[in-house]
Amino acid sequence: MTEHTHGKEVLRPLAMEGRALRQMIPDVYAGFAELSKAAMAPGALELKTKELLALAMGVTLRCDGCIATHARGAASAGATREEVAEAIGVTLLMNGGPGTVYGPRAYDAFCEYIEAIEAKDAAPAD
């Protein structure tokens, strides 16, 4: 069985690989960036809720890059461990067994990002 990486370790190689493709199809990437910006803009749902939805979708789609990206987004948007755990709980309901594999990965990725934010917030100001 291969070791699975989470959070930053998933995104680092994707960033390098994505750059090469983005250079080949910049308009497609620009269009996706605009779609993302519009979809995540505050409206009837605030950003935190949208990030939780996207994280749950990442679990459902079994997309490690999506999980890492939206775990970071949920942490940055102020989601709590409890909110993330409950959102992942719904994915277990809707996905069964695969949710029990990708759900813990999503929670671990979120914890990586929220711990970094908490450490930064707890650091003494210079």
C-alpha atoms as a PDB file:
ATOM      1  CA  MET A   1       0.000   0.000   0.000  1.00  0.00           C
ATOM      2  CA  THR A   2       1.394   3.417  -0.899  1.00  0.00           C
ATOM      3  CA  GLU A   3       1.569   6.230   1.609  1.00  0.00           C
ATOM      4  CA  HIS A   4      -0.933   8.997   1.024  1.00  0.00           C
ATOM      5  CA  THR A   5       0.041  12.632   1.392  1.00  0.00           C
ATOM      6  CA  HIS A   6      -2.274  15.454   2.358  1.00  0.00           C
ATOM      7  CA  GLY A   7      -2.494  19.206   2.226  1.00  0.00           C
ATOM      8  CA  LYS A   8       0.645  20.980   1.102  1.00  0.00           C
ATOM      9  CA  GLU A   9       2.348  17.785  -0.072  1.00  0.00           C
ATOM     10  CA  VAL A  10      -0.468  17.264  -2.580  1.00  0.00           C
ATOM     11  CA  LEU A  11      -0.494  20.846  -3.839  1.00  0.00           C
ATOM     12  CA  ARG A  12       3.263  21.371  -4.335  1.00  0.00           C
ATOM     13  CA  PRO A  13       3.717  18.983  -7.269  1.00  0.00           C
ATOM     14  CA  LEU A  14       0.359  19.975  -8.751  1.00  0.00           C
ATOM     15  CA  ALA A  15       1.453  23.610  -8.851  1.00  0.00           C
ATOM     16  CA  MET A  16       4.522  22.738 -10.912  1.00  0.00           C
ATOM     17  CA  GLU A  17       2.612  20.454 -13.256  1.00  0.00           C
ATOM     18  CA  GLY A  18      -0.208  22.958 -13.574  1.00  0.00           C
ATOM     19  CA  ARG A  19       2.158  25.758 -14.599  1.00  0.00           C
ATOM     20  CA  ALA A  20       3.276  23.859 -17.698  1.00  0.00           C
ATOM     21  CA  LEU A  21      -0.289  23.181 -18.808  1.00  0.00           C
ATOM     22  CA  ARG A  22      -1.436  26.700 -17.934  1.00  0.00           C
ATOM     23  CA  GLN A  23       1.242  28.080 -20.289  1.00  0.00           C
ATOM     24  CA  MET A  24      -0.220  25.995 -23.104  1.00  0.00           C
ATOM     25  CA  ILE A  25      -3.879  26.925 -22.482  1.00  0.00           C
ATOM     26  CA  PRO A  26      -3.884  30.242 -20.620  1.00  0.00           C
ATOM     27  CA  ASP A  27      -7.398  31.226 -21.701  1.00  0.00           C
ATOM     28  CA  VAL A  28      -8.881  28.025 -20.305  1.00  0.00           C
ATOM     29  CA  TYR A  29      -7.158  28.573 -16.966  1.00  0.00           C
ATOM     30  CA  ALA A  30      -8.228  32.223 -16.926  1.00  0.00           C
ATOM     31  CA  GLY A  31     -11.811  31.137 -17.539  1.00  0.00           C
ATOM     32  CA  PHE A  32     -11.627  28.612 -14.723  1.00  0.00           C
ATOM     33  CA  ALA A  33     -10.168  31.259 -12.398  1.00  0.00           C
ATOM     34  CA  GLU A  34     -13.065  33.596 -13.202  1.00  0.00           C
ATOM     35  CA  LEU A  35     -15.599  30.798 -12.609  1.00  0.00           C
ATOM     36  CA  SER A  36     -13.956  30.010  -9.279  1.00  0.00           C
ATOM     37  CA  LYS A  37     -13.949  33.668  -8.249  1.00  0.00           C
ATOM     38  CA  ALA A  38     -17.631  34.048  -9.126  1.00  0.00           C
ATOM     39  CA  ALA A  39     -18.684  30.785  -7.457  1.00  0.00           C
ATOM     40  CA  MET A  40     -16.845  31.567  -4.220  1.00  0.00           C
ATOM     41  CA  ALA A  41     -17.920  35.205  -3.986  1.00  0.00           C
ATOM     42  CA  PRO A  42     -20.047  35.950  -0.929  1.00  0.00           C
ATOM     43  CA  GLY A  43     -23.755  35.926  -1.641  1.00  0.00           C
ATOM     44  CA  ALA A  44     -26.597  34.076   0.040  1.00  0.00           C
ATOM     45  CA  LEU A  45     -23.878  31.705   1.319  1.00  0.00           C
ATOM     46  CA  GLU A  46     -20.733  33.048   2.934  1.00  0.00           C
ATOM     47  CA  LEU A  47     -17.277  31.894   1.819  1.00  0.00           C
ATOM     48  CA  LYS A  48     -16.867  29.471   4.747  1.00  0.00           C
ATOM     49  CA  THR A  49     -20.013  27.555   3.786  1.00  0.00           C
ATOM     50  CA  LYS A  50     -18.926  27.439   0.155  1.00  0.00           C
ATOM     51  CA  GLU A  51     -15.505  26.098   1.147  1.00  0.00           C
ATOM     52  CA  LEU A  52     -17.145  23.416   3.293  1.00  0.00           C
ATOM     53  CA  LEU A  53     -19.342  22.438   0.345  1.00  0.00           C
ATOM     54  CA  ALA A  54     -16.327  22.312  -1.963  1.00  0.00           C
ATOM     55  CA  LEU A  55     -14.370  20.234   0.561  1.00  0.00           C
ATOM     56  CA  ALA A  56     -17.267  17.778   0.821  1.00  0.00           C
ATOM     57  CA  MET A  57     -17.423  17.607  -2.971  1.00  0.00           C
ATOM     58  CA  GLY A  58     -13.687  16.882  -3.054  1.00  0.00           C
ATOM     59  CA  VAL A  59     -14.287  13.896  -0.773  1.00  0.00           C
ATOM     60  CA  THR A  60     -17.192  12.738  -2.939  1.00  0.00           C
ATOM     61  CA  LEU A  61     -15.165  13.065  -6.130  1.00  0.00           C
ATOM     62  CA  ARG A  62     -12.108  11.471  -4.473  1.00  0.00           C
ATOM     63  CA  CYS A  63      -9.966  14.394  -5.623  1.00  0.00           C
ATOM     64  CA  ASP A  64      -6.914  14.871  -3.421  1.00  0.00           C
ATOM     65  CA  GLY A  65      -6.056  18.208  -5.036  1.00  0.00           C
ATOM     66  CA  CYS A  66      -9.600  19.465  -4.412  1.00  0.00           C
ATOM     67  CA  ILE A  67      -9.447  18.248  -0.821  1.00  0.00           C
ATOM     68  CA  ALA A  68      -6.141  20.024  -0.191  1.00  0.00           C
ATOM     69  CA  THR A  69      -7.271  23.243  -1.877  1.00  0.00           C
ATOM     70  CA  HIS A  70     -10.597  23.472  -0.082  1.00  0.00           C
ATOM     71  CA  ALA A  71      -9.203  22.280   3.262  1.00  0.00           C
ATOM     72  CA  ARG A  72      -6.871  25.278   3.020  1.00  0.00           C
ATOM     73  CA  GLY A  73      -9.784  27.470   1.915  1.00  0.00           C
ATOM     74  CA  ALA A  74     -12.023  26.297   4.762  1.00  0.00           C
ATOM     75  CA  ALA A  75      -9.279  26.938   7.308  1.00  0.00           C
ATOM     76  CA  SER A  76      -8.615  30.398   5.871  1.00  0.00           C
ATOM     77  CA  ALA A  77     -12.340  31.187   5.856  1.00  0.00           C
ATOM     78  CA  GLY A  78     -12.611  30.449   9.573  1.00  0.00           C
ATOM     79  CA  ALA A  79     -14.129  26.963   9.600  1.00  0.00           C
ATOM     80  CA  THR A  80     -13.735  25.058  12.846  1.00  0.00           C
ATOM     81  CA  ARG A  81     -12.680  21.460  13.288  1.00  0.00           C
ATOM     82  CA  GLU A  82     -16.246  20.673  14.359  1.00  0.00           C
ATOM     83  CA  GLU A  83     -17.756  22.241  11.226  1.00  0.00           C
ATOM     84  CA  VAL A  84     -15.348  20.382   8.971  1.00  0.00           C
ATOM     85  CA  ALA A  85     -15.955  17.103  10.792  1.00  0.00           C
ATOM     86  CA  GLU A  86     -19.732  17.502  10.424  1.00  0.00           C
ATOM     87  CA  ALA A  87     -19.451  18.379   6.735  1.00  0.00           C
ATOM     88  CA  ILE A  88     -17.301  15.285   6.225  1.00  0.00           C
ATOM     89  CA  GLY A  89     -19.865  13.278   8.211  1.00  0.00           C
ATOM     90  CA  VAL A  90     -22.442  14.101   5.546  1.00  0.00           C
ATOM     91  CA  THR A  91     -20.050  12.785   2.894  1.00  0.00           C
ATOM     92  CA  LEU A  92     -19.885   9.494   4.799  1.00  0.00           C
ATOM     93  CA  LEU A  93     -23.652   9.295   4.680  1.00  0.00           C
ATOM     94  CA  MET A  94     -23.778  10.021   0.957  1.00  0.00           C
ATOM     95  CA  ASN A  95     -20.671   8.054  -0.122  1.00  0.00           C
ATOM     96  CA  GLY A  96     -20.492   5.047   2.161  1.00  0.00           C
ATOM     97  CA  GLY A  97     -17.131   3.266   2.204  1.00  0.00           C
ATOM     98  CA  PRO A  98     -15.200   5.674  -0.047  1.00  0.00           C
ATOM     99  CA  GLY A  99     -16.210   8.481   2.290  1.00  0.00           C
ATOM    100  CA  THR A 100     -14.458   6.656   5.124  1.00  0.00           C
ATOM    101  CA  VAL A 101     -11.222   6.781   3.095  1.00  0.00           C
ATOM    102  CA  TYR A 102     -11.339  10.287   1.670  1.00  0.00           C
ATOM    103  CA  GLY A 103     -13.119  11.887   4.635  1.00  0.00           C
ATOM    104  CA  PRO A 104     -10.205  11.307   7.018  1.00  0.00           C
ATOM    105  CA  ARG A 105      -7.829  12.587   4.339  1.00  0.00           C
ATOM    106  CA  ALA A 106      -9.877  15.772   4.094  1.00  0.00           C
ATOM    107  CA  TYR A 107      -9.949  16.224   7.868  1.00  0.00           C
ATOM    108  CA  ASP A 108      -6.191  15.667   8.109  1.00  0.00           C
ATOM    109  CA  ALA A 109      -5.565  18.222   5.357  1.00  0.00           C
ATOM    110  CA  PHE A 110      -7.828  20.756   7.112  1.00  0.00           C
ATOM    111  CA  CYS A 111      -6.038  20.189  10.431  1.00  0.00           C
ATOM    112  CA  GLU A 112      -2.687  20.836   8.726  1.00  0.00           C
ATOM    113  CA  TYR A 113      -3.861  24.246   7.547  1.00  0.00           C
ATOM    114  CA  ILE A 114      -5.775  25.260  10.671  1.00  0.00           C
ATOM    115  CA  GLU A 115      -2.799  24.364  12.880  1.00  0.00           C
ATOM    116  CA  ALA A 116      -0.587  26.645  10.774  1.00  0.00           C
ATOM    117  CA  ILE A 117      -3.112  29.467  11.154  1.00  0.00           C
ATOM    118  CA  GLU A 118      -3.418  28.872  14.911  1.00  0.00           C
ATOM    119  CA  ALA A 119       0.364  28.842  15.318  1.00  0.00           C
ATOM    120  CA  LYS A 120       0.647  32.118  13.412  1.00  0.00           C
ATOM    121  CA  ASP A 121      -2.110  33.689  15.523  1.00  0.00           C
ATOM    122  CA  ALA A 122      -0.467  32.480  18.764  1.00  0.00           C
ATOM    123  CA  ALA A 123       3.000  33.748  17.819  1.00  0.00           C
ATOM    124  CA  PRO A 124       4.082  36.823  19.759  1.00  0.00           C
ATOM    125  CA  ALA A 125       3.945  40.042  17.762  1.00  0.00           C
ATOM    126  CA  ASP A 126       7.306  41.626  17.026  1.00  0.00           C
END
